[in-house]
C-alpha atoms as a PDB file:
ATOM      1  CA  MET A   1    -107.987  71.478  79.618  1.00  0.00           C
ATOM      2  CA  LYS A   2    -106.306  69.088  82.181  1.00  0.00           C
ATOM      3  CA  VAL A   3    -103.417  70.737  83.931  1.00  0.00           C
ATOM      4  CA  ASP A   4    -100.547  68.990  84.993  1.00  0.00           C
ATOM      5  CA  ALA A   5     -99.123  68.131  88.567  1.00  0.00           C
ATOM      6  CA  LEU A   6     -95.815  69.741  87.608  1.00  0.00           C
ATOM      7  CA  HIS A   7     -97.749  73.132  86.701  1.00  0.00           C
ATOM      8  CA  GLU A   8     -99.495  72.384  89.752  1.00  0.00           C
ATOM      9  CA  LEU A   9     -96.886  72.533  91.869  1.00  0.00           C
ATOM     10  CA  ARG A  10     -95.306  75.053  90.769  1.00  0.00           C
ATOM     11  CA  ASP A  11     -98.181  77.399  91.190  1.00  0.00           C
ATOM     12  CA  SER A  12     -98.939  76.408  94.572  1.00  0.00           C
ATOM     13  CA  LEU A  13     -94.917  77.514  95.558  1.00  0.00           C
ATOM     14  CA  ARG A  14     -95.285  80.643  93.895  1.00  0.00           C
ATOM     15  CA  ARG A  15     -98.610  81.565  96.365  1.00  0.00           C
ATOM     16  CA  PHE A  16     -96.589  80.001  98.950  1.00  0.00           C
ATOM     17  CA  ALA A  17     -93.756  82.319  98.560  1.00  0.00           C
ATOM     18  CA  ASP A  18     -95.749  85.448  97.414  1.00  0.00           C
ATOM     19  CA  GLU A  19     -97.909  85.110 100.767  1.00  0.00           C
ATOM     20  CA  ARG A  20     -94.772  84.794 102.592  1.00  0.00           C
ATOM     21  CA  ASP A  21     -93.429  87.648 100.257  1.00  0.00           C
ATOM     22  CA  TRP A  22     -90.029  85.683  99.883  1.00  0.00           C
ATOM     23  CA  GLY A  23     -89.539  86.732  96.514  1.00  0.00           C
ATOM     24  CA  PRO A  24     -86.464  88.678  97.717  1.00  0.00           C
ATOM     25  CA  PHE A  25     -84.539  86.160  99.067  1.00  0.00           C
ATOM     26  CA  HIS A  26     -85.726  83.880  95.925  1.00  0.00           C
ATOM     27  CA  THR A  27     -82.907  84.474  93.365  1.00  0.00           C
ATOM     28  CA  PRO A  28     -81.666  82.112  91.153  1.00  0.00           C
ATOM     29  CA  LYS A  29     -78.712  82.418  93.216  1.00  0.00           C
ATOM     30  CA  ASN A  30     -80.388  81.857  96.357  1.00  0.00           C
ATOM     31  CA  LEU A  31     -82.508  78.839  94.935  1.00  0.00           C
ATOM     32  CA  ALA A  32     -79.637  77.275  93.549  1.00  0.00           C
ATOM     33  CA  MET A  33     -77.480  77.305  96.615  1.00  0.00           C
ATOM     34  CA  ALA A  34     -80.493  75.857  98.420  1.00  0.00           C
ATOM     35  CA  LEU A  35     -81.013  73.255  95.993  1.00  0.00           C
ATOM     36  CA  ALA A  36     -77.728  72.294  95.955  1.00  0.00           C
ATOM     37  CA  GLY A  37     -78.139  71.921 100.162  1.00  0.00           C
ATOM     38  CA  GLU A  38     -81.131  69.888 100.149  1.00  0.00           C
ATOM     39  CA  ALA A  39     -79.657  67.577  97.517  1.00  0.00           C
ATOM     40  CA  GLY A  40     -76.752  66.817 100.051  1.00  0.00           C
ATOM     41  CA  GLU A  41     -79.187  65.889 102.981  1.00  0.00           C
ATOM     42  CA  VAL A  42     -80.006  63.279 100.717  1.00  0.00           C
ATOM     43  CA  ILE A  43     -76.606  62.200 100.066  1.00  0.00           C
ATOM     44  CA  GLU A  44     -75.660  62.155 103.653  1.00  0.00           C
ATOM     45  CA  HIS A  45     -78.728  59.144 104.362  1.00  0.00           C
ATOM     46  CA  PHE A  46     -76.831  56.726 101.843  1.00  0.00           C
ATOM     47  CA  GLN A  47     -72.952  58.024 103.306  1.00  0.00           C
ATOM     48  CA  TRP A  48     -70.879  55.101 104.105  1.00  0.00           C
ATOM     49  CA  LEU A  49     -73.770  52.438 103.314  1.00  0.00           C
ATOM     50  CA  SER A  50     -73.066  49.512 101.290  1.00  0.00           C
ATOM     51  CA  ALA A  51     -75.202  48.849  97.769  1.00  0.00           C
ATOM     52  CA  GLU A  52     -77.407  46.682  99.087  1.00  0.00           C
ATOM     53  CA  GLN A  53     -78.117  48.678 101.959  1.00  0.00           C
ATOM     54  CA  SER A  54     -78.747  51.804 100.393  1.00  0.00           C
ATOM     55  CA  GLY A  55     -81.451  50.065  98.281  1.00  0.00           C
ATOM     56  CA  ALA A  56     -83.050  48.310 101.539  1.00  0.00           C
ATOM     57  CA  LEU A  57     -83.459  51.338 103.911  1.00  0.00           C
ATOM     58  CA  ASP A  58     -85.248  50.641 107.281  1.00  0.00           C
ATOM     59  CA  GLU A  59     -89.094  52.961 106.817  1.00  0.00           C
ATOM     60  CA  ASP A  60     -87.819  55.652 109.343  1.00  0.00           C
ATOM     61  CA  THR A  61     -84.835  56.169 107.088  1.00  0.00           C
ATOM     62  CA  ARG A  62     -86.863  55.854 104.032  1.00  0.00           C
ATOM     63  CA  GLU A  63     -89.417  58.601 104.638  1.00  0.00           C
ATOM     64  CA  ALA A  64     -86.426  60.794 106.348  1.00  0.00           C
ATOM     65  CA  VAL A  65     -85.184  60.398 102.226  1.00  0.00           C
ATOM     66  CA  ALA A  66     -88.756  61.354 100.682  1.00  0.00           C
ATOM     67  CA  LEU A  67     -88.810  64.074 102.695  1.00  0.00           C
ATOM     68  CA  GLU A  68     -85.331  65.663 101.765  1.00  0.00           C
ATOM     69  CA  LEU A  69     -86.169  63.953  98.170  1.00  0.00           C
ATOM     70  CA  ALA A  70     -89.613  66.532  98.050  1.00  0.00           C
ATOM     71  CA  ASP A  71     -87.490  69.554  99.623  1.00  0.00           C
ATOM     72  CA  VAL A  72     -84.692  69.178  96.132  1.00  0.00           C
ATOM     73  CA  LEU A  73     -87.836  68.596  94.108  1.00  0.00           C
ATOM     74  CA  LEU A  74     -89.638  71.943  95.574  1.00  0.00           C
ATOM     75  CA  TYR A  75     -86.537  74.137  94.928  1.00  0.00           C
ATOM     76  CA  LEU A  76     -86.301  72.334  91.418  1.00  0.00           C
ATOM     77  CA  VAL A  77     -89.488  73.946  90.481  1.00  0.00           C
ATOM     78  CA  ARG A  78     -89.163  77.290  92.264  1.00  0.00           C
ATOM     79  CA  LEU A  79     -86.442  77.692  90.597  1.00  0.00           C
ATOM     80  CA  ALA A  80     -87.512  76.837  87.169  1.00  0.00           C
ATOM     81  CA  ASP A  81     -90.419  79.004  87.936  1.00  0.00           C
ATOM     82  CA  VAL A  82     -88.332  82.234  88.580  1.00  0.00           C
ATOM     83  CA  LEU A  83     -86.260  81.349  85.620  1.00  0.00           C
ATOM     84  CA  ASN A  84     -89.502  81.177  83.435  1.00  0.00           C
ATOM     85  CA  VAL A  85     -88.149  77.190  82.691  1.00  0.00           C
ATOM     86  CA  ASP A  86     -90.885  75.274  81.355  1.00  0.00           C
ATOM     87  CA  LEU A  87     -89.648  72.351  83.679  1.00  0.00           C
ATOM     88  CA  ALA A  88     -91.432  69.361  82.106  1.00  0.00           C
ATOM     89  CA  ASP A  89     -90.261  70.891  78.228  1.00  0.00           C
ATOM     90  CA  ALA A  90     -86.888  70.932  79.354  1.00  0.00           C
ATOM     91  CA  ALA A  91     -86.911  67.529  80.616  1.00  0.00           C
ATOM     92  CA  ARG A  92     -88.566  66.209  77.260  1.00  0.00           C
ATOM     93  CA  ARG A  93     -85.696  67.718  75.460  1.00  0.00           C
ATOM     94  CA  LYS A  94     -82.928  66.940  77.443  1.00  0.00           C
ATOM     95  CA  LEU A  95     -84.495  62.733  77.157  1.00  0.00           C
ATOM     96  CA  VAL A  96     -84.435  63.407  73.759  1.00  0.00           C
ATOM     97  CA  ILE A  97     -80.887  64.539  74.039  1.00  0.00           C
ATOM     98  CA  ASN A  98     -79.759  61.692  75.865  1.00  0.00           C
ATOM     99  CA  ALA A  99     -81.702  59.322  73.539  1.00  0.00           C
ATOM    100  CA  ALA A 100     -79.027  60.318  70.921  1.00  0.00           C
ATOM    101  CA  ARG A 101     -76.374  60.294  73.364  1.00  0.00           C
ATOM    102  CA  TYR A 102     -76.863  56.673  74.748  1.00  0.00           C
ATOM    103  CA  PRO A 103     -78.306  54.990  72.167  1.00  0.00           C
ATOM    104  CA  ALA A 104     -79.864  51.608  73.120  1.00  0.00           C
ATOM    105  CA  GLU A 105     -77.754  49.255  71.203  1.00  0.00           C
ATOM    106  CA  LYS A 106     -74.148  50.923  72.277  1.00  0.00           C
ATOM    107  CA  ALA A 107     -75.121  51.960  75.855  1.00  0.00           C
ATOM    108  CA  ARG A 108     -77.305  48.812  77.387  1.00  0.00           C
ATOM    109  CA  GLY A 109     -75.686  47.461  80.712  1.00  0.00           C
ATOM    110  CA  ARG A 110     -72.843  50.238  80.320  1.00  0.00           C
ATOM    111  CA  SER A 111     -72.453  53.027  82.597  1.00  0.00           C
ATOM    112  CA  ASP A 112     -69.151  54.856  80.119  1.00  0.00           C
ATOM    113  CA  LYS A 113     -70.282  58.321  79.610  1.00  0.00           C
ATOM    114  CA  TYR A 114     -71.768  59.037  75.939  1.00  0.00           C
ATOM    115  CA  ASP A 115     -68.406  60.251  74.130  1.00  0.00           C
ATOM    116  CA  ARG A 116     -66.799  56.795  75.682  1.00  0.00           C
ATOM    117  CA  LEU A 117     -69.129  54.278  74.137  1.00  0.00           C
END
């Protein structure tokens, strides 16, 4: 059976944290706060840019954003692990929910929230 990349990442993060005895610090509250902080660092790169500028980042900025996105992913995966949430399964279930909320024939080309379609 092939282990998927998300589970490999989860296991690597678990080992990384265990080797450093970070369990006491990796509470759901702390990990959620760290996740929000890292998401804010992603946002900083786009603050004050136009839509066009945000889609045409220079290579240095793109690399900086990539590393911040990695931080977001790492904290998200670690939080899911601490909470014993199968993140891939939860994402698949959420896609099914969103497909029902945003049927393509109603949502195509619209940015309205599902209750306004």
